[in-house]
């Protein structure tokens, strides 16, 4: 799995997962949010189709690189503006989302104004399964965790995020 795909996962997980249902607005304030993401890979989280497209040398380098960082946390920090309308209509769940998963099935396990648990099966183009839990203990904090398992290689990614509300102004963060 490339670093850009991994980064998209972490950003998507920080914002949860797209839902097919509407419910109460998520318990969070609109404005600028700062998210700290800690992701840890185990094994080689890539599907066989992606690996098959690589030359033997490129595949060996990729696998060696992924195994070398296996079990070592990667930390990133990002900022994003989320409007009240995004929370009300669950649009915030789609921001910078899992856009390389064109064929997916989401199953909402639990949803309230303060908690969301989703199971996702992505069948194309990079097959994987995910379990994502997002909680908002108060309107200025969102925490989440996700476990992602790549089909074929069996590689895994665990992601934890903590988001904090910075303020209502969104200059330069949309």
C-alpha atoms as a PDB file:
ATOM      1  CA  UNK A   1       0.000   0.000   0.000  1.00  0.00           C
ATOM      2  CA  UNK A   2       1.529   3.315  -0.992  1.00  0.00           C
ATOM      3  CA  UNK A   3       2.027   6.118   1.497  1.00  0.00           C
ATOM      4  CA  UNK A   4      -0.558   8.261  -0.328  1.00  0.00           C
ATOM      5  CA  UNK A   5      -3.202   5.540  -0.022  1.00  0.00           C
ATOM      6  CA  UNK A   6      -2.322   5.071   3.649  1.00  0.00           C
ATOM      7  CA  UNK A   7      -2.615   8.834   4.185  1.00  0.00           C
ATOM      8  CA  UNK A   8      -6.056   8.803   2.526  1.00  0.00           C
ATOM      9  CA  UNK A   9      -7.115   6.015   4.901  1.00  0.00           C
ATOM     10  CA  UNK A  10      -6.041   7.960   7.927  1.00  0.00           C
ATOM     11  CA  UNK A  11      -7.773  11.141   6.782  1.00  0.00           C
ATOM     12  CA  UNK A  12     -10.898   9.198   5.941  1.00  0.00           C
ATOM     13  CA  UNK A  13     -10.895   7.463   9.271  1.00  0.00           C
ATOM     14  CA  UNK A  14     -10.382  10.716  11.067  1.00  0.00           C
ATOM     15  CA  UNK A  15     -13.625  11.816   9.519  1.00  0.00           C
ATOM     16  CA  UNK A  16     -15.218   8.335   9.930  1.00  0.00           C
ATOM     17  CA  UNK A  17     -16.916   6.557   7.020  1.00  0.00           C
ATOM     18  CA  UNK A  18     -19.669   7.406   4.552  1.00  0.00           C
ATOM     19  CA  UNK A  19     -23.120   6.414   5.734  1.00  0.00           C
ATOM     20  CA  UNK A  20     -26.294   5.594   3.916  1.00  0.00           C
ATOM     21  CA  UNK A  21     -28.513   6.716   6.782  1.00  0.00           C
ATOM     22  CA  UNK A  22     -29.367  10.056   8.312  1.00  0.00           C
ATOM     23  CA  UNK A  23     -29.708  10.526  12.052  1.00  0.00           C
ATOM     24  CA  UNK A  24     -29.010  13.178  14.627  1.00  0.00           C
ATOM     25  CA  UNK A  25     -26.295  15.640  13.748  1.00  0.00           C
ATOM     26  CA  UNK A  26     -22.982  14.452  15.131  1.00  0.00           C
ATOM     27  CA  UNK A  27     -22.143  16.084  18.463  1.00  0.00           C
ATOM     28  CA  UNK A  28     -19.402  18.396  17.184  1.00  0.00           C
ATOM     29  CA  UNK A  29     -18.933  22.112  16.612  1.00  0.00           C
ATOM     30  CA  UNK A  30     -18.508  23.513  13.107  1.00  0.00           C
ATOM     31  CA  UNK A  31     -15.218  25.191  12.301  1.00  0.00           C
ATOM     32  CA  UNK A  32     -11.567  24.273  12.074  1.00  0.00           C
ATOM     33  CA  UNK A  33     -10.550  20.864  13.415  1.00  0.00           C
ATOM     34  CA  UNK A  34      -7.020  19.600  13.998  1.00  0.00           C
ATOM     35  CA  UNK A  35      -6.560  15.837  13.772  1.00  0.00           C
ATOM     36  CA  UNK A  36      -3.607  13.818  15.017  1.00  0.00           C
ATOM     37  CA  UNK A  37      -3.445  10.400  13.391  1.00  0.00           C
ATOM     38  CA  UNK A  38      -1.335   7.476  14.572  1.00  0.00           C
ATOM     39  CA  UNK A  39      -1.256   4.542  12.155  1.00  0.00           C
ATOM     40  CA  UNK A  40       0.562   1.255  12.535  1.00  0.00           C
ATOM     41  CA  UNK A  41       0.940  -1.348   9.802  1.00  0.00           C
ATOM     42  CA  UNK A  42       1.589  -5.045  10.218  1.00  0.00           C
ATOM     43  CA  UNK A  43       2.855  -7.056   7.295  1.00  0.00           C
ATOM     44  CA  UNK A  44       2.326  -5.801   3.752  1.00  0.00           C
ATOM     45  CA  UNK A  45      -1.102  -4.127   3.518  1.00  0.00           C
ATOM     46  CA  UNK A  46      -1.641  -4.385  -0.239  1.00  0.00           C
ATOM     47  CA  UNK A  47      -3.858  -6.571  -2.331  1.00  0.00           C
ATOM     48  CA  UNK A  48      -2.427  -9.138  -4.711  1.00  0.00           C
ATOM     49  CA  UNK A  49      -3.718  -7.290  -7.798  1.00  0.00           C
ATOM     50  CA  UNK A  50      -1.678  -4.199  -6.901  1.00  0.00           C
ATOM     51  CA  UNK A  51       1.415  -6.265  -6.134  1.00  0.00           C
ATOM     52  CA  UNK A  52       1.030  -8.219  -9.394  1.00  0.00           C
ATOM     53  CA  UNK A  53       1.278  -4.967 -11.402  1.00  0.00           C
ATOM     54  CA  UNK A  54       4.744  -4.263  -9.983  1.00  0.00           C
ATOM     55  CA  UNK A  55       7.977  -5.516 -11.474  1.00  0.00           C
ATOM     56  CA  UNK A  56       9.715  -8.173  -9.372  1.00  0.00           C
ATOM     57  CA  UNK A  57      12.320  -5.658  -8.219  1.00  0.00           C
ATOM     58  CA  UNK A  58       9.768  -2.987  -7.357  1.00  0.00           C
ATOM     59  CA  UNK A  59       7.618  -5.497  -5.478  1.00  0.00           C
ATOM     60  CA  UNK A  60      10.619  -6.732  -3.468  1.00  0.00           C
ATOM     61  CA  UNK A  61      11.574  -3.138  -2.542  1.00  0.00           C
ATOM     62  CA  UNK A  62       7.980  -2.302  -1.609  1.00  0.00           C
ATOM     63  CA  UNK A  63       7.569  -5.417   0.550  1.00  0.00           C
ATOM     64  CA  UNK A  64      10.946  -4.826   2.202  1.00  0.00           C
ATOM     65  CA  UNK A  65      10.027  -1.205   2.942  1.00  0.00           C
ATOM     66  CA  UNK A  66       6.627  -2.128   4.413  1.00  0.00           C
ATOM     67  CA  UNK A  67       8.090  -4.924   6.536  1.00  0.00           C
ATOM     68  CA  UNK A  68      10.825  -2.577   7.816  1.00  0.00           C
ATOM     69  CA  UNK A  69       8.234  -0.153   9.155  1.00  0.00           C
ATOM     70  CA  UNK A  70       5.829  -2.875  10.315  1.00  0.00           C
ATOM     71  CA  UNK A  71       4.784  -2.240  13.898  1.00  0.00           C
ATOM     72  CA  UNK A  72       6.240   1.277  13.946  1.00  0.00           C
ATOM     73  CA  UNK A  73       3.669   4.045  14.427  1.00  0.00           C
ATOM     74  CA  UNK A  74       3.431   6.833  11.845  1.00  0.00           C
ATOM     75  CA  UNK A  75       2.083  10.144  13.147  1.00  0.00           C
ATOM     76  CA  UNK A  76       0.540  12.924  11.090  1.00  0.00           C
ATOM     77  CA  UNK A  77      -1.353  16.112  11.904  1.00  0.00           C
ATOM     78  CA  UNK A  78      -3.882  17.787   9.617  1.00  0.00           C
ATOM     79  CA  UNK A  79      -6.407  20.613   9.753  1.00  0.00           C
ATOM     80  CA  UNK A  80      -9.795  20.754   8.097  1.00  0.00           C
ATOM     81  CA  UNK A  81     -12.819  23.033   8.085  1.00  0.00           C
ATOM     82  CA  UNK A  82     -16.173  21.346   8.693  1.00  0.00           C
ATOM     83  CA  UNK A  83     -19.416  23.343   8.365  1.00  0.00           C
ATOM     84  CA  UNK A  84     -22.580  22.753  10.427  1.00  0.00           C
ATOM     85  CA  UNK A  85     -24.338  21.634   7.238  1.00  0.00           C
ATOM     86  CA  UNK A  86     -21.647  18.976   6.785  1.00  0.00           C
ATOM     87  CA  UNK A  87     -22.373  17.590  10.271  1.00  0.00           C
ATOM     88  CA  UNK A  88     -26.170  17.821   9.812  1.00  0.00           C
ATOM     89  CA  UNK A  89     -26.159  15.944   6.489  1.00  0.00           C
ATOM     90  CA  UNK A  90     -23.263  13.582   7.275  1.00  0.00           C
ATOM     91  CA  UNK A  91     -21.238  15.246   4.482  1.00  0.00           C
ATOM     92  CA  UNK A  92     -18.274  15.549   6.861  1.00  0.00           C
ATOM     93  CA  UNK A  93     -17.982  11.787   6.684  1.00  0.00           C
ATOM     94  CA  UNK A  94     -17.124  11.990   2.987  1.00  0.00           C
ATOM     95  CA  UNK A  95     -14.415  14.668   3.125  1.00  0.00           C
ATOM     96  CA  UNK A  96     -11.103  13.414   1.695  1.00  0.00           C
ATOM     97  CA  UNK A  97     -12.580   9.971   1.998  1.00  0.00           C
ATOM     98  CA  UNK A  98     -11.780   6.498   0.886  1.00  0.00           C
ATOM     99  CA  UNK A  99     -12.103   7.474  -2.786  1.00  0.00           C
ATOM    100  CA  UNK A 100     -10.032   4.567  -4.088  1.00  0.00           C
ATOM    101  CA  UNK A 101     -12.746   2.210  -2.817  1.00  0.00           C
ATOM    102  CA  UNK A 102     -15.194   2.398  -5.719  1.00  0.00           C
ATOM    103  CA  UNK A 103     -17.186  -0.714  -4.787  1.00  0.00           C
ATOM    104  CA  UNK A 104     -18.037  -0.778  -1.109  1.00  0.00           C
ATOM    105  CA  UNK A 105     -20.656  -1.890   1.340  1.00  0.00           C
ATOM    106  CA  UNK A 106     -21.089  -0.042   4.628  1.00  0.00           C
ATOM    107  CA  UNK A 107     -22.986  -1.532   7.540  1.00  0.00           C
ATOM    108  CA  UNK A 108     -23.842   0.855  10.351  1.00  0.00           C
ATOM    109  CA  UNK A 109     -23.506  -1.100  13.583  1.00  0.00           C
ATOM    110  CA  UNK A 110     -24.386   1.813  15.868  1.00  0.00           C
ATOM    111  CA  UNK A 111     -25.119   5.496  15.394  1.00  0.00           C
ATOM    112  CA  UNK A 112     -26.042   8.260  17.791  1.00  0.00           C
ATOM    113  CA  UNK A 113     -25.136  11.927  18.132  1.00  0.00           C
ATOM    114  CA  UNK A 114     -22.021  10.912  20.078  1.00  0.00           C
ATOM    115  CA  UNK A 115     -20.916   7.580  18.602  1.00  0.00           C
ATOM    116  CA  UNK A 116     -20.697   5.824  15.256  1.00  0.00           C
ATOM    117  CA  UNK A 117     -19.529   2.279  14.492  1.00  0.00           C
ATOM    118  CA  UNK A 118     -19.308   1.093  10.874  1.00  0.00           C
ATOM    119  CA  UNK A 119     -18.122  -2.076   9.163  1.00  0.00           C
ATOM    120  CA  UNK A 120     -16.970  -1.523   5.586  1.00  0.00           C
ATOM    121  CA  UNK A 121     -16.178  -4.044   2.898  1.00  0.00           C
ATOM    122  CA  UNK A 122     -14.311  -2.638  -0.066  1.00  0.00           C
ATOM    123  CA  UNK A 123     -14.207  -4.956  -3.049  1.00  0.00           C
ATOM    124  CA  UNK A 124     -12.530  -2.765  -5.665  1.00  0.00           C
ATOM    125  CA  UNK A 125     -10.010  -1.729  -6.666  1.00  0.00           C
ATOM    126  CA  UNK A 126      -8.101  -2.575  -3.440  1.00  0.00           C
ATOM    127  CA  UNK A 127     -10.036  -5.239  -1.538  1.00  0.00           C
ATOM    128  CA  UNK A 128     -10.098  -4.739   2.222  1.00  0.00           C
ATOM    129  CA  UNK A 129     -12.356  -4.787   5.258  1.00  0.00           C
ATOM    130  CA  UNK A 130     -12.570  -2.108   7.945  1.00  0.00           C
ATOM    131  CA  UNK A 131     -14.158  -1.647  11.339  1.00  0.00           C
ATOM    132  CA  UNK A 132     -14.364   1.998  12.336  1.00  0.00           C
ATOM    133  CA  UNK A 133     -15.549   3.536  15.609  1.00  0.00           C
ATOM    134  CA  UNK A 134     -15.875   7.297  16.055  1.00  0.00           C
ATOM    135  CA  UNK A 135     -16.873   9.025  19.288  1.00  0.00           C
ATOM    136  CA  UNK A 136     -17.489  12.615  20.279  1.00  0.00           C
ATOM    137  CA  UNK A 137     -17.238  12.816  24.069  1.00  0.00           C
ATOM    138  CA  UNK A 138     -17.986  16.536  23.798  1.00  0.00           C
ATOM    139  CA  UNK A 139     -18.594  19.015  20.939  1.00  0.00           C
ATOM    140  CA  UNK A 140     -14.905  20.012  20.846  1.00  0.00           C
ATOM    141  CA  UNK A 141     -13.351  16.535  20.628  1.00  0.00           C
ATOM    142  CA  UNK A 142     -13.656  13.559  18.277  1.00  0.00           C
ATOM    143  CA  UNK A 143     -11.736  10.306  18.726  1.00  0.00           C
ATOM    144  CA  UNK A 144     -11.708   7.298  16.450  1.00  0.00           C
ATOM    145  CA  UNK A 145     -10.076   3.973  15.844  1.00  0.00           C
ATOM    146  CA  UNK A 146     -10.085   1.681  12.849  1.00  0.00           C
ATOM    147  CA  UNK A 147      -8.760  -1.695  11.906  1.00  0.00           C
ATOM    148  CA  UNK A 148      -8.163  -2.349   8.204  1.00  0.00           C
ATOM    149  CA  UNK A 149      -7.284  -5.754   6.760  1.00  0.00           C
ATOM    150  CA  UNK A 150      -6.100  -6.034   3.157  1.00  0.00           C
ATOM    151  CA  UNK A 151      -7.421  -9.052   1.313  1.00  0.00           C
ATOM    152  CA  UNK A 152      -4.857 -11.300  -0.314  1.00  0.00           C
ATOM    153  CA  UNK A 153      -1.734 -10.152   1.516  1.00  0.00           C
ATOM    154  CA  UNK A 154      -3.402 -10.149   4.932  1.00  0.00           C
ATOM    155  CA  UNK A 155      -1.530  -6.988   5.875  1.00  0.00           C
ATOM    156  CA  UNK A 156      -3.190  -4.879   8.559  1.00  0.00           C
ATOM    157  CA  UNK A 157      -3.406  -1.225   9.495  1.00  0.00           C
ATOM    158  CA  UNK A 158      -4.573   0.075  12.866  1.00  0.00           C
ATOM    159  CA  UNK A 159      -5.401   3.785  13.036  1.00  0.00           C
ATOM    160  CA  UNK A 160      -6.195   5.966  16.057  1.00  0.00           C
ATOM    161  CA  UNK A 161      -7.158   9.609  15.693  1.00  0.00           C
ATOM    162  CA  UNK A 162      -7.823  12.451  18.071  1.00  0.00           C
ATOM    163  CA  UNK A 163      -9.429  15.597  16.699  1.00  0.00           C
ATOM    164  CA  UNK A 164      -9.830  18.857  18.540  1.00  0.00           C
ATOM    165  CA  UNK A 165     -11.894  21.872  17.621  1.00  0.00           C
ATOM    166  CA  UNK A 166      -9.715  24.956  17.117  1.00  0.00           C
ATOM    167  CA  UNK A 167     -12.425  27.535  16.548  1.00  0.00           C
ATOM    168  CA  UNK A 168     -15.317  28.661  14.387  1.00  0.00           C
ATOM    169  CA  UNK A 169     -13.125  30.470  11.826  1.00  0.00           C
ATOM    170  CA  UNK A 170     -12.063  28.445   8.804  1.00  0.00           C
ATOM    171  CA  UNK A 171      -9.679  30.742   6.948  1.00  0.00           C
ATOM    172  CA  UNK A 172      -7.412  28.656   4.722  1.00  0.00           C
ATOM    173  CA  UNK A 173      -8.631  25.301   6.057  1.00  0.00           C
ATOM    174  CA  UNK A 174     -11.481  24.247   3.732  1.00  0.00           C
END
